[in-house]
Amino acid sequence: MIIPEERLDEEDMILGKIKNGEKVDHFETVRQRKDKSSIQVSLTISPVKDHNGQIIGASKIARDITEQKRAEQKLKALNETLEERVEERTASLLSYQNQLRSLAMQLSKTEEQERHRLANDLHDNLGQLLAICKMKVSMLQKEDKNPELEEVIKLVDDAIVYTRELMSELKPPTSLEDEDLKSAIEWVAKKMAKHDLKVIVEETDHQPKPLNEEVRSTLVRSTRELLFNVVKHAGVSEAKITITRKGDQVQVMVEDEGPGFNPDERNKESLDKGFGLFSIYERMDFLDGNMDIDSEPGKGTRVTLTVPVLKGEESANEKNGVSKNTSSEQASTNQKIKILIADDHQIVREGLRKRMEEETDLTVVAEASDGDEALKLAKETSPDIIVMDVTMPKLDGITATQKIKSTLPDIQVIGLSSYEDEEFAREMMKAGAAAYLTKSEAFETLAATIRTEATAEKEL
């Protein structure tokens, strides 16, 4: 009477279990009321036995679980809604996290671009004007031995030195922007000396470490920030950087023996220190890399930055160099020394030309505003000496020197730059330059170097 027709087979199953002496417990099903409406129930059926243990019947208890089922349905619907909301929130958080990482990278790039812009402005304007000022004052001082002009030259020299140091702090030498990782990090390490921090840089292997420009630049900037953290928080005078390659990854490890800290509590640190580490972590993660911190109070700190190598390409330090060990006879000794001036600043070219043409044994045969033009004019005019600015657009002086020495080995190149940096000097000499001078040096030094190199080439 109370079992719906479509569920009559359930009773056969229940009676079968009762005959076997089994108990049916919490069997959920549907039954019907007198008015034929359905009701959800939970059944408990137990066999009834006589005094001999024979099964003579069954005891059935049916509990109304309609409200329970309704509650379960509501809970299930709520869970499904909650899961959807969690998925939406998770997707939103992931999107937000990616935006944060992208923002961290963009902030870093913007900072670096602004540093480069300021450095270029100093180099292209103030640095060149100061160099010309010294050149002109030196000319006046040569004609009139006025002690006040000596004082002016000294002041200009001080301004040039300060400007050069500021440019060097703002950006690495152009030669290092495409150089190997170790050279770039060594440059950063040297700059920490002014903050009373000695940094030892060690490369534990000689494996190639090819990285694209963005990864290498980010790795160098992050290393620099870690060193500043050592200066500000470690209270030590020495740190160590270890560079190594492990499989398809490059690792840079920055260590100090300072007081250390609990990495799990770094979010509780000062905003300055905490945000710096967070920013580095986000940048590494954005590049599919990682930042690992190993530190505890009283035991120093080791931070390891890991980034993937660039597959299928060579790093800049693996490219073939150009030899400068070739020469030929110079022009006759009674001829003037022919000079090509390559500099992207017209005021510098004009100043040098004017001074050179005042010398009886020097003549300017051409002027170039970039490396490409210098290479072209060198082939056309066959100068004895090229005075080559290191930093120029299109083709920089280092690369231009390599190309000139590989195709026109008889021409001597003298590197000229606003930077007094041994990295520049080393790269220019490696490219094939015979000498390297700064624009702040007296013109007499440049003229003497031109004569020396021209004479040396003739003797060869």
Foldseek 3Di string as FASTA:
>chain_A
DWADPVCVVVVVVQVVCQQVQHKDFQDWDWTADPVRDIFIWTKTKGFDADPVRHGDGIDIDIDGCRVVVVVVVVVVVVVVVVVVVVVVVVVVVVVVLLVVLVVLLVVVVVLLVVLLVVLVCLFQPVLLVLLLVLQVLVVVCVVPVDVVSVVVLVVSLVVLVVSQVSSCVSDPPPVCLQAALQVLLVSLQVVCVVLLAHEAEEEPDDDFFAADSSVSVLVSVLVSLVVVCCSVPFPDRYKYWYWYDDVQKIKIKIWDQGQWDDPVCLVVDDPVRSVSVVSSQSNLVSQVWGWDWDTHGRGTIMIMTMHGGDPPDGGPNPDDAADLPDADADPDPVAAQEEEEEALHPSNVVSLQVVQVVDPRHHYPYYHNALVVVLVVCVVPVGQEYAAEQDGPPHGRLRSLLVCCRVPSHHAYEYEYSHPDVVSQVSNVRSHHPYYDYSSDHVVVVVVVSVVSSVVRNVD
